[in-house]
């Protein structure tokens, strides 16, 4: 792909789009692609969480974006110096903890495709939490702060709420791949597509309401996490409840706009979780307002204890969702059935660009 650089640039340094780099890695290393989810990792191989990056190397190093905290910008107001650096480090670590909890990640690393004139320099480097207690402030001005933690150097852009990290090529353990850039890539592609279009029909697009829906983890009435329903259903009155009792809200707009997406109320279906666990689930309660597991506590244990790391009987709040950078969840219809004919669905965290509010506003 780097040989086609002249489609995009006249530079002698090979060009690779970052999304393409992620897709190539996942295809050829048979990794799970998490780049579109709102988590800290771009890919996973078993229990290894991987950050994938490509950038131009200058003197075998570069400072690159690793996180964005727009939703938490208000939490940083009034902070400066070492206090600001520590809070940013905590936010970064929270995002990593969240991804670790969701996907059962126990090991992490960065996979880097560095670009230099005439070659790609490929290497891995540690993907580490910020050592908040050992942060040393190097610079703090009106636009940014620079700090270190004894292992890595970070730069935080204040106006954009973007955290960046300095990446350096290790002295050993990298691989150089020479790239001969094609001089006339358009001619090459023209020849290819003439033959391709004769053989291959267009691929159907992913359709909202047919292939997936986005559900809110908050009340659409007031934008808050209810104290006695949804993720805090365990706190409702009327009877003794288990500490893990929850449900995922299904707004009436979902049923109205996509009446055939979910099976009928009280009809069991299979629900795959991001960590590989499999639940039996169904649409329940009046007007089908709840997605629940059977037993109910299984979904709650995963969401409350593994993902959000809440203690038993501790309320989930909007700040909890905001801290981890998500407020919605995606349910994908796999258009398949198990051995007993139950429909199969998959649960994943909606990307920040596809929250419930944006999903439903596009109607």
Protein backbone atom coordinates (compact mmCIF):
# COMPACT_ATOMS: atom_id res chain seq x y z
CA UNK A 1 0.00 0.00 0.00
CA UNK A 2 2.89 2.35 0.68
CA UNK A 3 3.96 1.89 -2.94
CA UNK A 4 0.77 3.79 -3.92
CA UNK A 5 1.86 6.89 -1.99
CA UNK A 6 1.76 9.17 -5.04
CA UNK A 7 -2.03 8.91 -4.99
CA UNK A 8 -1.88 11.26 -2.01
CA UNK A 9 1.55 12.88 -1.77
CA UNK A 10 4.58 13.93 -3.78
CA UNK A 11 6.81 13.33 -0.76
CA UNK A 12 9.51 10.67 -1.02
CA UNK A 13 8.43 9.48 2.42
CA UNK A 14 5.85 6.70 1.96
CA UNK A 15 2.28 7.61 2.90
CA UNK A 16 -0.01 5.34 4.94
CA UNK A 17 -3.42 6.36 6.29
CA UNK A 18 -3.79 5.47 9.98
CA UNK A 19 -7.08 3.62 9.45
CA UNK A 20 -5.49 1.59 6.68
CA UNK A 21 -2.60 0.71 8.98
CA UNK A 22 -5.04 -0.53 11.63
CA UNK A 23 -6.96 -2.61 9.09
CA UNK A 24 -3.79 -4.13 7.64
CA UNK A 25 -2.53 -5.09 11.08
CA UNK A 26 -5.82 -6.76 12.03
CA UNK A 27 -6.09 -8.60 8.73
CA UNK A 28 -2.63 -10.07 8.65
CA UNK A 29 -2.16 -10.67 12.37
CA UNK A 30 -5.73 -12.03 12.67
CA UNK A 31 -6.47 -9.49 15.41
CA UNK A 32 -9.79 -8.12 16.64
CA UNK A 33 -10.30 -4.59 15.31
CA UNK A 34 -11.37 -2.23 18.12
CA UNK A 35 -10.27 1.00 16.43
CA UNK A 36 -13.85 2.29 16.02
CA UNK A 37 -14.82 1.66 19.63
CA UNK A 38 -14.32 4.27 22.30
CA UNK A 39 -11.61 2.36 24.12
CA UNK A 40 -7.88 2.76 24.58
CA UNK A 41 -6.81 0.06 22.10
CA UNK A 42 -7.01 -0.28 18.34
CA UNK A 43 -6.71 -4.07 18.25
CA UNK A 44 -6.54 -7.19 20.39
CA UNK A 45 -4.81 -10.53 20.04
CA UNK A 46 -6.14 -12.77 22.83
CA UNK A 47 -5.54 -10.81 26.06
CA UNK A 48 -3.08 -8.35 24.48
CA UNK A 49 -4.37 -4.82 23.89
CA UNK A 50 -2.54 -3.05 21.05
CA UNK A 51 -2.25 0.58 20.07
CA UNK A 52 -1.44 0.97 16.36
CA UNK A 53 0.20 4.08 14.95
CA UNK A 54 1.88 5.28 11.79
CA UNK A 55 3.77 8.56 11.47
CA UNK A 56 6.78 10.21 9.87
CA UNK A 57 10.00 9.68 11.82
CA UNK A 58 12.34 12.59 12.31
CA UNK A 59 15.63 11.52 13.88
CA UNK A 60 13.88 8.24 14.73
CA UNK A 61 11.27 9.86 16.99
CA UNK A 62 7.98 11.74 16.92
CA UNK A 63 5.41 13.20 19.34
CA UNK A 64 1.97 11.77 18.53
CA UNK A 65 -1.59 11.96 19.83
CA UNK A 66 -2.64 9.10 22.14
CA UNK A 67 -5.87 10.39 23.75
CA UNK A 68 -8.49 13.12 23.58
CA UNK A 69 -10.45 14.39 26.58
CA UNK A 70 -13.01 16.82 25.13
CA UNK A 71 -15.81 15.45 27.31
CA UNK A 72 -13.72 15.97 30.42
CA UNK A 73 -12.53 19.47 29.57
CA UNK A 74 -14.65 21.04 32.31
CA UNK A 75 -12.98 18.78 34.89
CA UNK A 76 -9.64 20.39 34.01
CA UNK A 77 -10.77 24.00 34.43
CA UNK A 78 -8.76 25.84 37.06
CA UNK A 79 -6.00 23.22 37.18
CA UNK A 80 -2.42 24.01 36.21
CA UNK A 81 1.09 22.75 36.64
CA UNK A 82 1.62 19.44 38.40
CA UNK A 83 -2.06 19.20 39.42
CA UNK A 84 -3.14 19.41 35.78
CA UNK A 85 -0.52 16.85 34.71
CA UNK A 86 -1.63 14.40 37.39
CA UNK A 87 -5.31 14.75 36.51
CA UNK A 88 -4.54 14.11 32.83
CA UNK A 89 -2.52 11.04 33.85
CA UNK A 90 -5.48 9.77 35.89
CA UNK A 91 -7.84 10.26 32.94
CA UNK A 92 -5.46 8.35 30.67
CA UNK A 93 -5.20 5.49 33.15
CA UNK A 94 -8.97 5.37 33.60
CA UNK A 95 -9.42 4.86 29.84
CA UNK A 96 -6.92 2.01 29.91
CA UNK A 97 -8.59 0.42 32.95
CA UNK A 98 -11.96 0.63 31.24
CA UNK A 99 -10.67 -1.12 28.10
CA UNK A 100 -8.90 -3.74 30.21
CA UNK A 101 -12.12 -4.46 32.08
CA UNK A 102 -14.28 -4.66 28.95
CA UNK A 103 -11.98 -6.94 26.97
CA UNK A 104 -10.11 -8.83 29.73
CA UNK A 105 -6.82 -7.30 28.60
CA UNK A 106 -3.82 -8.25 30.73
CA UNK A 107 -0.93 -7.17 28.47
CA UNK A 108 -0.43 -4.09 26.30
CA UNK A 109 1.92 -2.74 23.64
CA UNK A 110 2.20 -0.26 20.78
CA UNK A 111 2.79 -1.42 17.21
CA UNK A 112 4.39 1.38 15.19
CA UNK A 113 4.92 1.83 11.46
CA UNK A 114 7.41 4.69 11.24
CA UNK A 115 7.87 6.27 7.82
CA UNK A 116 11.21 7.50 6.47
CA UNK A 117 12.35 8.33 2.96
CA UNK A 118 12.31 5.11 0.93
CA UNK A 119 11.33 2.79 3.79
CA UNK A 120 8.99 1.78 6.60
CA UNK A 121 10.59 1.23 10.02
CA UNK A 122 8.39 -1.18 11.98
CA UNK A 123 8.76 -1.69 15.73
CA UNK A 124 6.91 -2.34 18.98
CA UNK A 125 7.22 -0.34 22.19
CA UNK A 126 5.66 -0.44 25.67
CA UNK A 127 2.08 0.76 26.14
CA UNK A 128 2.13 1.85 29.78
CA UNK A 129 -0.05 3.63 32.28
CA UNK A 130 1.07 7.07 33.40
CA UNK A 131 2.98 6.81 36.69
CA UNK A 132 1.00 9.62 38.30
CA UNK A 133 2.95 9.65 41.57
CA UNK A 134 6.28 10.20 39.78
CA UNK A 135 5.26 12.93 37.33
CA UNK A 136 7.82 15.68 36.80
CA UNK A 137 6.62 18.90 35.17
CA UNK A 138 8.90 20.16 32.37
CA UNK A 139 6.90 23.07 30.94
CA UNK A 140 3.57 24.82 31.48
CA UNK A 141 2.50 27.73 29.28
CA UNK A 142 -0.71 29.13 27.83
CA UNK A 143 -1.01 26.49 25.10
CA UNK A 144 0.37 23.25 26.56
CA UNK A 145 2.13 21.42 29.36
CA UNK A 146 4.98 18.94 29.05
CA UNK A 147 5.66 16.33 31.71
CA UNK A 148 7.48 13.03 32.29
CA UNK A 149 6.85 10.08 34.60
CA UNK A 150 10.27 8.45 34.55
CA UNK A 151 9.41 6.26 31.56
CA UNK A 152 7.68 8.45 28.99
CA UNK A 153 7.39 12.08 27.95
CA UNK A 154 3.92 13.58 27.41
CA UNK A 155 2.58 16.83 25.96
CA UNK A 156 -0.98 18.03 26.61
CA UNK A 157 -2.54 20.58 24.24
CA UNK A 158 -4.87 22.67 26.39
CA UNK A 159 -7.14 24.12 23.71
CA UNK A 160 -7.72 20.78 21.95
CA UNK A 161 -7.68 18.64 25.14
CA UNK A 162 -5.31 16.25 23.35
CA UNK A 163 -2.64 14.17 25.09
CA UNK A 164 0.47 13.32 23.06
CA UNK A 165 3.43 11.03 23.74
CA UNK A 166 6.99 10.94 22.44
CA UNK A 167 7.69 7.73 20.53
CA UNK A 168 11.30 6.67 19.87
CA UNK A 169 12.68 3.84 17.76
CA UNK A 170 14.45 1.33 20.03
CA UNK A 171 18.14 0.75 19.41
CA UNK A 172 17.37 -2.90 18.67
CA UNK A 173 14.27 -4.80 17.65
CA UNK A 174 13.00 -2.87 14.63
CA UNK A 175 12.59 -3.98 11.03
CA UNK A 176 13.14 -1.86 7.91
CA UNK A 177 11.02 -2.51 4.83
CA UNK A 178 12.22 -0.79 1.67
CA UNK A 179 9.48 0.88 -0.39
CA UNK A 180 9.73 1.59 -4.12
CA UNK A 181 6.96 4.12 -4.75
CA UNK A 182 4.99 3.54 -7.98
CA UNK A 183 5.36 6.53 -10.30
CA UNK A 184 1.94 6.17 -12.00
CA UNK A 185 -0.42 4.57 -9.47
CA UNK A 186 -3.56 5.82 -11.24
CA UNK A 187 -2.73 3.83 -14.35
CA UNK A 188 -2.18 0.76 -12.20
CA UNK A 189 -5.56 1.21 -10.49
CA UNK A 190 -7.40 1.91 -13.73
CA UNK A 191 -6.25 -1.42 -15.14
CA UNK A 192 -7.22 -3.19 -11.94
CA UNK A 193 -10.74 -1.76 -11.66
CA UNK A 194 -11.58 -2.40 -15.30
CA UNK A 195 -11.13 -6.11 -14.59
CA UNK A 196 -12.54 -5.93 -11.06
CA UNK A 197 -15.84 -4.33 -12.06
CA UNK A 198 -16.45 -7.06 -14.61
CA UNK A 199 -16.32 -9.74 -11.90
CA UNK A 200 -17.38 -8.34 -8.56
CA UNK A 201 -20.75 -6.87 -7.60
CA UNK A 202 -20.96 -4.07 -5.06
CA UNK A 203 -20.99 -5.07 -1.39
CA UNK A 204 -24.12 -4.13 0.65
CA UNK A 205 -23.57 -1.41 3.25
CA UNK A 206 -24.17 -1.81 6.97
CA UNK A 207 -27.72 -0.58 7.57
CA UNK A 208 -28.83 1.08 10.83
CA UNK A 209 -31.89 -0.53 12.33
CA UNK A 210 -31.22 -3.69 10.36
CA UNK A 211 -27.62 -4.54 11.20
CA UNK A 212 -27.31 -2.52 14.42
CA UNK A 213 -28.97 -0.10 16.84
CA UNK A 214 -27.50 2.21 19.48
CA UNK A 215 -29.03 2.17 22.99
CA UNK A 216 -28.50 4.83 25.68
CA UNK A 217 -27.18 3.95 29.14
CA UNK A 218 -29.04 6.96 30.55
CA UNK A 219 -32.62 8.23 30.61
CA UNK A 220 -33.59 9.99 27.38
CA UNK A 221 -36.08 12.06 29.41
CA UNK A 222 -33.51 14.02 31.42
CA UNK A 223 -30.09 12.87 30.21
CA UNK A 224 -29.16 11.40 33.61
CA UNK A 225 -28.55 7.86 34.84
CA UNK A 226 -31.72 7.06 36.82
CA UNK A 227 -31.19 6.24 40.51
CA UNK A 228 -33.72 3.40 40.57
CA UNK A 229 -33.79 1.95 37.06
CA UNK A 230 -31.50 1.06 34.16
CA UNK A 231 -27.96 0.61 35.45
CA UNK A 232 -29.29 1.23 38.99
CA UNK A 233 -32.25 -1.16 38.79
CA UNK A 234 -30.83 -2.94 41.85
CA UNK A 235 -31.73 0.21 43.82
CA UNK A 236 -35.45 0.10 42.95
CA UNK A 237 -38.02 -0.61 45.66
CA UNK A 238 -40.89 -3.09 45.76
CA UNK A 239 -38.91 -6.24 46.59
CA UNK A 240 -35.51 -7.50 47.63
CA UNK A 241 -33.12 -7.14 44.70
CA UNK A 242 -29.71 -8.56 43.83
CA UNK A 243 -26.76 -6.14 43.81
CA UNK A 244 -26.10 -6.90 40.11
CA UNK A 245 -29.66 -6.35 38.86
CA UNK A 246 -29.63 -3.98 35.85
CA UNK A 247 -31.12 -3.52 32.43
CA UNK A 248 -30.12 -1.58 29.32
CA UNK A 249 -32.81 0.96 28.40
CA UNK A 250 -34.56 0.47 25.04
CA UNK A 251 -36.32 3.78 24.21
CA UNK A 252 -39.73 3.64 22.55
CA UNK A 253 -38.16 5.35 19.50
CA UNK A 254 -36.13 2.19 18.82
CA UNK A 255 -39.25 0.01 18.71
CA UNK A 256 -41.16 2.61 16.70
CA UNK A 257 -38.48 3.14 14.05
CA UNK A 258 -37.11 -0.43 13.98
CA UNK A 259 -39.96 -2.73 15.08
CA UNK A 260 -38.35 -5.86 13.68
CA UNK A 261 -34.80 -5.43 14.98
CA UNK A 262 -35.25 -7.29 18.28
CA UNK A 263 -37.19 -10.55 18.74
CA UNK A 264 -40.65 -10.22 20.28
CA UNK A 265 -40.86 -9.36 23.95
CA UNK A 266 -39.92 -12.26 26.27
CA UNK A 267 -38.40 -14.20 23.34
CA UNK A 268 -34.86 -15.32 24.32
CA UNK A 269 -31.90 -14.49 22.11
CA UNK A 270 -28.14 -14.96 22.30
CA UNK A 271 -26.01 -11.96 23.33
CA UNK A 272 -22.23 -12.04 22.85
CA UNK A 273 -20.21 -9.75 25.15
CA UNK A 274 -16.95 -8.03 24.07
CA UNK A 275 -14.91 -10.28 26.39
CA UNK A 276 -16.20 -13.43 24.67
CA UNK A 277 -18.81 -14.43 27.26
CA UNK A 278 -22.26 -15.48 26.02
CA UNK A 279 -25.53 -14.49 27.69
CA UNK A 280 -29.14 -15.46 27.20
CA UNK A 281 -31.10 -12.20 26.86
CA UNK A 282 -34.53 -10.86 26.00
CA UNK A 283 -36.60 -7.67 25.72
CA UNK A 284 -38.65 -7.22 28.90
CA UNK A 285 -40.97 -4.93 30.89
CA UNK A 286 -43.82 -2.67 29.76
CA UNK A 287 -43.46 -1.40 26.19
CA UNK A 288 -40.31 -3.52 25.85
CA UNK A 289 -38.28 -0.81 27.58
CA UNK A 290 -35.55 -3.11 28.94
CA UNK A 291 -32.86 -5.39 27.51
CA UNK A 292 -32.07 -7.91 30.25
CA UNK A 293 -30.05 -11.09 30.63
CA UNK A 294 -31.25 -14.37 32.11
CA UNK A 295 -30.30 -14.58 34.89
CA UNK A 296 -30.46 -10.80 35.14
CA UNK A 297 -27.40 -10.54 37.36
CA UNK A 298 -25.02 -11.78 34.64
CA UNK A 299 -25.35 -8.63 32.53
CA UNK A 300 -25.17 -6.51 35.68
CA UNK A 301 -22.05 -8.24 36.97
CA UNK A 302 -20.27 -7.60 33.69
CA UNK A 303 -21.34 -3.95 33.41
CA UNK A 304 -21.10 -2.93 37.06
CA UNK A 305 -18.19 -4.98 38.37
CA UNK A 306 -15.96 -5.69 35.35
CA UNK A 307 -16.51 -2.62 33.15
CA UNK A 308 -17.37 0.23 35.52
CA UNK A 309 -15.62 -1.28 38.56
CA UNK A 310 -18.44 -0.18 40.86
CA UNK A 311 -18.66 -1.58 44.38
CA UNK A 312 -21.84 -3.49 45.39
CA UNK A 313 -24.71 -1.08 46.17
CA UNK A 314 -22.80 1.90 44.68
CA UNK A 315 -24.84 4.07 42.31
CA UNK A 316 -23.79 4.54 38.69
CA UNK A 317 -23.81 8.23 37.75
CA UNK A 318 -23.41 10.29 34.60
CA UNK A 319 -19.90 11.15 35.78
CA UNK A 320 -18.98 7.44 35.66
CA UNK A 321 -19.96 7.23 31.98
CA UNK A 322 -18.35 10.57 31.19
CA UNK A 323 -15.12 9.55 32.88
CA UNK A 324 -14.77 6.50 30.66
CA UNK A 325 -15.87 8.35 27.53
CA UNK A 326 -19.11 6.55 26.58
CA UNK A 327 -22.83 6.96 27.22
CA UNK A 328 -24.30 4.45 24.75
CA UNK A 329 -23.95 0.84 23.73
CA UNK A 330 -24.26 -0.81 20.32
CA UNK A 331 -26.26 -3.98 19.68
CA UNK A 332 -25.34 -5.72 16.43
CA UNK A 333 -27.64 -8.22 14.72
CA UNK A 334 -25.44 -11.06 13.47
CA UNK A 335 -28.27 -12.38 11.26
CA UNK A 336 -27.60 -15.90 12.49
CA UNK A 337 -29.09 -18.41 14.95
CA UNK A 338 -27.74 -20.93 17.44
CA UNK A 339 -28.50 -24.66 17.47
CA UNK A 340 -31.95 -24.17 19.02
CA UNK A 341 -32.98 -21.36 16.66
CA UNK A 342 -32.37 -18.37 18.92
CA UNK A 343 -31.24 -15.20 17.11
CA UNK A 344 -27.67 -14.07 17.78
CA UNK A 345 -26.65 -10.51 18.68
CA UNK A 346 -23.39 -8.90 19.78
CA UNK A 347 -22.87 -6.12 22.31
CA UNK A 348 -20.13 -3.53 21.80
CA UNK A 349 -19.46 -0.01 22.98
CA UNK A 350 -20.60 2.68 20.58
CA UNK A 351 -17.92 4.97 19.25
CA UNK A 352 -17.95 8.58 20.39
CA UNK A 353 -19.20 9.59 16.93
CA UNK A 354 -22.22 7.26 17.18
CA UNK A 355 -23.94 7.89 20.50
CA UNK A 356 -27.65 7.24 20.90
CA UNK A 357 -28.57 10.91 20.55
CA UNK A 358 -26.79 11.18 17.20
CA UNK A 359 -28.09 7.79 16.07
CA UNK A 360 -31.72 8.76 16.63
CA UNK A 361 -31.34 12.34 15.36
CA UNK A 362 -30.38 11.04 11.93
CA UNK A 363 -33.88 9.68 11.41
